[in-house]
Each structure stands twice: as C-alpha cells, then as structure tokens.
Amino acid sequence: MTEQFKPLTDEEKHVILNKGTERPFVGKYDDFTEGGLYLCKQCEAPLYKSQHKFQSTCGWPSFDDEISGAVKKVPDNDGRRVEIVCAHCEGHLGHVFEGERLTENNIRHCVNSISMKFVSTDDLKKQDSKNQASDKKQSEIKTAYFAGGCFWGVEHFLQKQDGVLSVESGYMGGASQNPTYQEVCGKNSGHLEVVEVSYKPKEVSFETLTKLFFEIHDPTQSDGQGPDLGPQYASAVFYQNDEEKQVSKKLISLLEDKGLTVVTELIPAETFWKAEDYHQDYYQKNGQQPYCHSYQKRF
C-alpha cells in the first residue's frame, strides 16, 4: 500500500516536490527562535530540534545539526551543491554547506521554511502527556480469549466475575475473514466459538479468569461441549504472550494432577471476529439459563 502524505498547496509542491526555492527573508521560520521541533511538511517526520537552529543572516532557516537519520544528502542537479531531502519521504528541504565556520559544527543546513512544520515545546509536552494518559488507560484494561463450547454459556458465566468489564462472543482460529455464524457452524472455516474478555488486571488476574474458565465448562470433552458437538465447540485458551501460556499450562497440570484428562488446546491468539449482534448477551436478552455450561469447583 502506498503511504499517504499530507496534501500540499501549489507553492509547497513547487518547493518540496519540484525542488524549488522560496525567496530569501520571507520564510516563516527565518527569523524565528521559539523552542520546539521542526518536522517535514509532507510526512511530518522529525527533522531538526530548535537547539540546532542558528541565525546565519542568509535569508533562510539555518541548522548546524539534524536529528540522526532524518536528513539525506544527495548531489544537486546543478552539479555543484549538495541537496538535502527528508530521509523518510524524500521531500526537498534545501542545501547543505560546510566549511563556513559559522558555528562549532562548521555546517549549515539551509532549509526552506515552506518545507517544514514547527511544533512548540508546549505542544510536544501536551501530546506526550496525552500519549502517556492513553498508554496508562490501555495498561489498565486487558483482554483474554477463551473457547469452551457455545459462546453463549461461556459469556454468561465470565461476565459475572468481578473486575470483568465486558465479554463479547465471536470467532477465532480460522483462515477466512469476517466469518459468519453459518460458516462457522458449517465446520469448514476452522474457527472456534470464542469470547473476548475485557478486564481490569488490578481487580482480577488472568489466572483467576482462566481458573473460572476451567470451572464453567468440561475441559475433558474432546468432541464439543455437552450436547453441542463439532470442532467449533473445542476447548482452547488463545494466549497473547508467554505469561498467559505458562499460566494456562500450570492450571492444566494442576487439573491433570487431580486425575482429569484435559484436552484444552493452547493456541496463539489471532484476529478476533465479533459475532452477530443477536449472539451478544444471549441468555440475558432471552431470560434463559445455559443448557451446556454450569459451574463446578476444580481448584
């Protein structure tokens, strides 16, 4: 897929794409000293820090250093100068000159203002705080994926657990995209009926959820669950990392030590395809109780 860059005005295209040059002393960032970060106008890749900038009185923004790997030097079409372009999108920035002794670094990146976008230090801090808040929020919620027969019953019991925010029924493990209930029941798609459990790890652990999973279905039945028979009703934990895998293996070993022949598979998690709306909260919507799931203490 071709990467989509920011749309450019005709003036920006003239400089960035056609390697033109804006007039001296008119650029937005020529006489500009605010602290922050200079980005490529076309792709928004970081190019220069404000501490790289210095006043050279040449009429264009000047920098004596760049963010590592951000700028690429290429021979200019005039055969005399060295052109500088964005290393990410190859948009034209300007030219680079050495040996002028204007700063200790003894180099000057002469850049067109129109080739850049400036982000202030305050805006960077705000964005960083926003990203940290988003990361923190994400870390406060995790997901787990279980298959234990008809997803109606698994969903019914797991959503009662304290610390669980939601449980959604769906499909996982097959090759086709966006499978339907009819395709999964046709036993040819390779998907299992699976629930996605969203939970707060500070309130309930993955181990607690997995123990409950093993106690609300029969992990020894290999041909389905209760009267529901077929490969789509197989017992499985779809793990997302090695920690989940090891926790699941430990619990299976505990059950086997108790004399159970556990057939539950441990499978790396794949794309979760949400099931049709009428499958969600099925028993709650219909005022019924699970017919092939019940709680049995095993730990």
Protein backbone atom coordinates (compact mmCIF):
# COMPACT_ATOMS: atom_id res chain seq x y z
CA MET A 1 0.00 0.00 0.00
CA THR A 2 1.33 3.44 -0.95
CA GLU A 3 1.85 5.70 2.04
CA GLN A 4 -0.46 8.71 2.12
CA PHE A 5 1.29 12.05 2.79
CA LYS A 6 -0.15 15.40 3.77
CA PRO A 7 -1.80 17.30 0.85
CA LEU A 8 0.35 20.17 -0.41
CA THR A 9 -0.51 23.57 -1.82
CA ASP A 10 0.80 24.53 -5.25
CA GLU A 11 3.52 26.64 -3.62
CA GLU A 12 4.54 23.75 -1.35
CA LYS A 13 4.61 21.36 -4.32
CA HIS A 14 6.88 23.78 -6.18
CA VAL A 15 9.49 23.59 -3.41
CA ILE A 16 9.02 20.13 -1.89
CA LEU A 17 8.30 18.08 -5.00
CA ASN A 18 9.84 20.16 -7.78
CA LYS A 19 12.93 21.25 -5.79
CA GLY A 20 12.17 24.95 -5.99
CA THR A 21 13.44 27.64 -3.60
CA GLU A 22 11.38 30.19 -1.72
CA ARG A 23 12.53 33.81 -1.75
CA PRO A 24 15.05 34.79 0.99
CA PHE A 25 13.94 36.57 4.19
CA VAL A 26 10.24 35.83 3.63
CA GLY A 27 10.02 32.34 5.09
CA LYS A 28 8.02 31.81 8.27
CA TYR A 29 10.94 30.33 10.21
CA ASP A 30 13.79 32.59 9.03
CA ASP A 31 13.75 35.00 11.99
CA PHE A 32 12.21 32.53 14.44
CA THR A 33 13.58 31.45 17.82
CA GLU A 34 10.79 29.56 19.62
CA GLY A 35 11.76 26.24 21.24
CA GLY A 36 10.41 23.06 19.74
CA LEU A 37 10.75 20.61 16.89
CA TYR A 38 10.81 21.07 13.11
CA LEU A 39 9.00 18.40 11.10
CA CYS A 40 8.83 17.60 7.41
CA LYS A 41 5.81 19.42 5.94
CA GLN A 42 4.90 16.48 3.71
CA CYS A 43 5.25 13.44 6.01
CA GLU A 44 5.70 15.06 9.44
CA ALA A 45 8.87 13.13 10.21
CA PRO A 46 11.04 14.98 12.80
CA LEU A 47 13.97 16.77 11.14
CA TYR A 48 15.58 19.34 13.45
CA LYS A 49 15.48 20.42 17.07
CA SER A 50 15.29 24.12 17.89
CA GLN A 51 18.74 23.98 19.52
CA HIS A 52 20.16 23.09 16.09
CA LYS A 53 18.94 26.40 14.67
CA PHE A 54 21.16 29.47 14.44
CA GLN A 55 20.95 32.90 12.80
CA SER A 56 23.13 32.93 9.71
CA THR A 57 21.60 36.04 8.04
CA CYS A 58 21.45 34.13 4.76
CA GLY A 59 17.69 34.62 4.41
CA TRP A 60 16.63 31.04 5.11
CA PRO A 61 16.38 28.98 8.33
CA SER A 62 19.78 27.52 9.18
CA PHE A 63 20.66 24.46 11.28
CA ASP A 64 24.07 23.08 12.20
CA ASP A 65 22.87 19.57 13.03
CA GLU A 66 19.92 17.28 12.32
CA ILE A 67 18.05 14.54 14.13
CA SER A 68 20.01 11.36 13.50
CA GLY A 69 18.92 9.66 10.28
CA ALA A 70 16.29 12.30 9.46
CA VAL A 71 18.02 14.03 6.53
CA LYS A 72 19.58 12.55 3.42
CA LYS A 73 22.25 14.29 1.29
CA VAL A 74 22.17 13.88 -2.48
CA PRO A 75 24.07 15.58 -5.34
CA ASP A 76 22.22 18.63 -6.62
CA ASN A 77 21.17 18.84 -10.25
CA ASP A 78 23.45 21.85 -10.72
CA GLY A 79 26.47 19.61 -10.16
CA ARG A 80 27.98 21.99 -7.58
CA ARG A 81 25.87 21.91 -4.42
CA VAL A 82 24.63 19.16 -2.10
CA GLU A 83 20.87 18.88 -1.78
CA ILE A 84 19.20 17.75 1.44
CA VAL A 85 15.90 15.83 1.44
CA CYS A 86 13.72 14.23 4.10
CA ALA A 87 15.05 10.71 4.61
CA HIS A 88 11.51 9.39 5.02
CA CYS A 89 9.60 10.88 2.07
CA GLU A 90 12.49 12.44 0.08
CA GLY A 91 10.77 15.81 0.01
CA HIS A 92 13.14 18.65 -0.91
CA LEU A 93 14.40 20.65 2.09
CA GLY A 94 17.23 22.80 0.74
CA HIS A 95 21.01 22.54 0.59
CA VAL A 96 23.89 21.87 2.96
CA PHE A 97 27.15 23.82 3.15
CA GLU A 98 30.36 23.01 5.03
CA GLY A 99 33.47 24.96 5.94
CA GLU A 100 31.84 28.35 6.57
CA ARG A 101 32.87 28.33 10.26
CA LEU A 102 29.58 29.90 11.37
CA THR A 103 29.24 27.51 14.32
CA GLU A 104 31.42 24.96 16.08
CA ASN A 105 29.85 22.20 13.99
CA ASN A 106 31.03 24.07 10.87
CA ILE A 107 28.00 23.02 8.81
CA ARG A 108 24.87 24.83 7.65
CA HIS A 109 21.64 23.20 6.57
CA CYS A 110 19.92 25.93 4.56
CA VAL A 111 16.25 24.92 4.62
CA ASN A 112 13.14 26.35 3.03
CA SER A 113 10.59 27.32 5.69
CA ILE A 114 7.82 26.02 3.47
CA SER A 115 9.36 22.53 3.62
CA MET A 116 8.86 22.37 7.40
CA LYS A 117 6.20 22.33 10.08
CA PHE A 118 7.03 23.58 13.58
CA VAL A 119 5.71 22.08 16.82
CA SER A 120 6.36 24.05 20.01
CA THR A 121 7.80 22.57 23.18
CA ASP A 122 4.48 23.20 24.98
CA ASP A 123 2.56 21.34 22.27
CA LEU A 124 5.06 18.48 22.45
CA LYS A 125 4.55 18.25 26.22
CA LYS A 126 0.79 18.25 25.79
CA GLN A 127 1.00 15.50 23.18
CA ASP A 128 3.38 13.50 25.36
CA SER A 129 1.00 13.81 28.33
CA LYS A 130 -1.87 12.75 26.10
CA ASN A 131 0.07 9.72 24.86
CA GLN A 132 1.08 8.77 28.40
CA ALA A 133 -2.53 9.04 29.56
CA SER A 134 -3.62 6.86 26.64
CA ASP A 135 -0.91 4.30 27.39
CA LYS A 136 -1.88 4.28 31.06
CA LYS A 137 -5.53 3.79 30.21
CA GLN A 138 -4.66 0.92 27.89
CA SER A 139 -2.49 -0.69 30.57
CA GLU A 140 -5.44 -0.59 32.97
CA ILE A 141 -7.54 -2.78 30.67
CA LYS A 142 -6.52 -6.14 29.24
CA THR A 143 -8.20 -8.82 27.16
CA ALA A 144 -8.31 -12.61 27.34
CA TYR A 145 -9.68 -15.14 24.85
CA PHE A 146 -11.35 -18.43 25.74
CA ALA A 147 -13.16 -21.13 23.75
CA GLY A 148 -15.27 -23.59 25.70
CA GLY A 149 -18.23 -24.71 23.63
CA CYS A 150 -21.16 -22.47 22.78
CA PHE A 151 -20.05 -18.91 23.47
CA TRP A 152 -23.43 -18.03 25.00
CA GLY A 153 -22.70 -20.04 28.15
CA VAL A 154 -19.04 -19.04 28.49
CA GLU A 155 -20.02 -15.39 28.15
CA HIS A 156 -22.84 -15.81 30.68
CA PHE A 157 -20.54 -17.01 33.47
CA LEU A 158 -17.41 -14.95 32.80
CA GLN A 159 -19.24 -11.62 32.74
CA LYS A 160 -20.32 -12.21 36.35
CA GLN A 161 -16.73 -12.12 37.58
CA ASP A 162 -15.70 -9.01 39.50
CA GLY A 163 -13.16 -6.97 37.53
CA VAL A 164 -14.57 -8.02 34.16
CA LEU A 165 -15.72 -5.02 32.14
CA SER A 166 -17.31 -6.82 29.20
CA VAL A 167 -17.48 -10.15 27.41
CA GLU A 168 -18.16 -10.40 23.70
CA SER A 169 -18.89 -13.52 21.66
CA GLY A 170 -17.03 -14.10 18.41
CA TYR A 171 -14.80 -16.35 16.36
CA MET A 172 -11.06 -17.05 16.21
CA GLY A 173 -8.64 -19.54 14.77
CA GLY A 174 -9.84 -19.92 11.19
CA ALA A 175 -8.44 -18.80 7.86
CA SER A 176 -11.34 -16.80 6.41
CA GLN A 177 -12.02 -13.13 7.09
CA ASN A 178 -15.21 -11.92 8.81
CA PRO A 179 -16.73 -15.39 9.24
CA THR A 180 -20.49 -15.72 9.75
CA TYR A 181 -22.23 -17.97 12.24
CA GLN A 182 -23.47 -20.13 9.37
CA GLU A 183 -19.93 -20.56 8.01
CA VAL A 184 -18.53 -21.50 11.42
CA CYS A 185 -21.37 -23.95 12.07
CA GLY A 186 -20.67 -25.45 8.65
CA LYS A 187 -17.45 -26.76 10.24
CA ASN A 188 -15.30 -25.77 7.27
CA SER A 189 -14.00 -22.34 8.31
CA GLY A 190 -11.69 -23.61 11.05
CA HIS A 191 -12.92 -21.05 13.58
CA LEU A 192 -13.87 -21.78 17.17
CA GLU A 193 -16.59 -20.02 19.09
CA VAL A 194 -14.59 -17.70 21.34
CA VAL A 195 -15.26 -14.99 23.92
CA GLU A 196 -13.21 -11.83 24.31
CA VAL A 197 -12.98 -10.83 27.97
CA SER A 198 -12.04 -7.21 28.75
CA TYR A 199 -10.92 -6.88 32.35
CA LYS A 200 -9.04 -4.74 34.84
CA PRO A 201 -5.86 -6.59 35.88
CA LYS A 202 -5.76 -4.62 39.13
CA GLU A 203 -9.07 -6.20 40.12
CA VAL A 204 -8.87 -9.67 38.59
CA SER A 205 -5.90 -11.61 37.25
CA PHE A 206 -5.62 -13.65 34.07
CA GLU A 207 -5.05 -16.70 36.27
CA THR A 208 -8.33 -16.14 38.12
CA LEU A 209 -10.19 -15.79 34.83
CA THR A 210 -8.59 -18.95 33.45
CA LYS A 211 -9.44 -20.92 36.59
CA LEU A 212 -13.05 -19.82 36.20
CA PHE A 213 -12.96 -20.80 32.54
CA PHE A 214 -11.89 -24.34 33.50
CA GLU A 215 -14.68 -24.50 36.08
CA ILE A 216 -17.59 -23.45 33.84
CA HIS A 217 -17.05 -25.99 31.06
CA ASP A 218 -15.80 -29.56 30.73
CA PRO A 219 -12.14 -29.41 29.66
CA THR A 220 -12.07 -33.20 29.15
CA GLN A 221 -14.66 -33.35 26.36
CA SER A 222 -12.93 -33.57 23.00
CA ASP A 223 -15.87 -33.58 20.60
CA GLY A 224 -17.62 -30.39 21.71
CA GLN A 225 -19.34 -29.28 24.87
CA GLY A 226 -22.35 -31.04 26.31
CA PRO A 227 -24.85 -31.76 23.54
CA ASP A 228 -23.15 -29.28 21.20
CA LEU A 229 -20.82 -31.35 19.06
CA GLY A 230 -18.36 -30.19 16.42
CA PRO A 231 -14.87 -28.70 16.02
CA GLN A 232 -16.18 -25.15 16.50
CA TYR A 233 -17.01 -26.08 20.12
CA ALA A 234 -13.50 -27.23 21.06
CA SER A 235 -11.88 -26.17 24.35
CA ALA A 236 -8.99 -23.73 23.96
CA VAL A 237 -7.14 -20.83 25.53
CA PHE A 238 -5.91 -18.35 22.93
CA TYR A 239 -2.86 -16.86 24.64
CA GLN A 240 -1.37 -13.46 23.75
CA ASN A 241 2.01 -13.82 25.40
CA ASP A 242 4.25 -16.34 27.11
CA GLU A 243 2.96 -15.38 30.55
CA GLU A 244 -0.61 -16.32 29.60
CA LYS A 245 0.66 -19.54 28.04
CA GLN A 246 2.61 -20.54 31.15
CA VAL A 247 -0.30 -19.73 33.48
CA SER A 248 -2.60 -21.89 31.33
CA LYS A 249 -0.09 -24.77 31.28
CA LYS A 250 0.25 -24.59 35.05
CA LEU A 251 -3.51 -24.81 35.57
CA ILE A 252 -3.81 -27.71 33.15
CA SER A 253 -1.08 -29.54 35.07
CA LEU A 254 -2.97 -28.98 38.32
CA LEU A 255 -6.12 -30.45 36.78
CA GLU A 256 -4.18 -33.43 35.42
CA ASP A 257 -2.70 -33.99 38.87
CA LYS A 258 -6.30 -34.31 40.06
CA GLY A 259 -6.86 -37.13 37.54
CA LEU A 260 -8.52 -35.16 34.72
CA THR A 261 -7.58 -35.83 31.10
CA VAL A 262 -7.56 -32.24 29.84
CA VAL A 263 -7.99 -31.74 26.09
CA THR A 264 -7.91 -27.93 26.18
CA GLU A 265 -5.58 -26.59 23.49
CA LEU A 266 -3.22 -23.64 23.96
CA ILE A 267 -3.22 -21.62 20.74
CA PRO A 268 -1.58 -18.28 19.90
CA ALA A 269 -4.24 -15.57 19.67
CA GLU A 270 -5.23 -14.40 16.21
CA THR A 271 -7.77 -11.91 14.90
CA PHE A 272 -10.96 -11.87 16.95
CA TRP A 273 -14.05 -11.57 14.78
CA LYS A 274 -17.05 -10.30 16.74
CA ALA A 275 -20.15 -12.45 16.26
CA GLU A 276 -23.50 -11.17 15.07
CA ASP A 277 -25.41 -8.87 17.45
CA TYR A 278 -28.05 -11.45 18.33
CA HIS A 279 -25.34 -13.63 19.89
CA GLN A 280 -24.25 -10.93 22.36
CA ASP A 281 -25.68 -11.31 25.91
CA TYR A 282 -27.88 -14.06 24.52
CA TYR A 283 -29.14 -15.52 27.80
CA GLN A 284 -29.64 -12.10 29.36
CA LYS A 285 -31.69 -10.93 26.38
CA ASN A 286 -33.82 -14.08 26.29
CA GLY A 287 -34.23 -14.64 30.03
CA GLN A 288 -32.79 -18.16 29.82
CA GLN A 289 -30.08 -20.19 31.55
CA PRO A 290 -27.15 -22.07 29.92
CA TYR A 291 -28.04 -25.64 28.90
CA CYS A 292 -24.48 -26.94 28.40
CA HIS A 293 -22.47 -24.95 30.94
CA SER A 294 -22.50 -25.00 34.72
CA TYR A 295 -20.09 -24.13 37.49
CA GLN A 296 -18.04 -26.91 39.10
CA LYS A 297 -15.23 -26.08 41.51
CA ARG A 298 -11.98 -27.69 40.36
CA PHE A 299 -9.24 -25.71 42.13
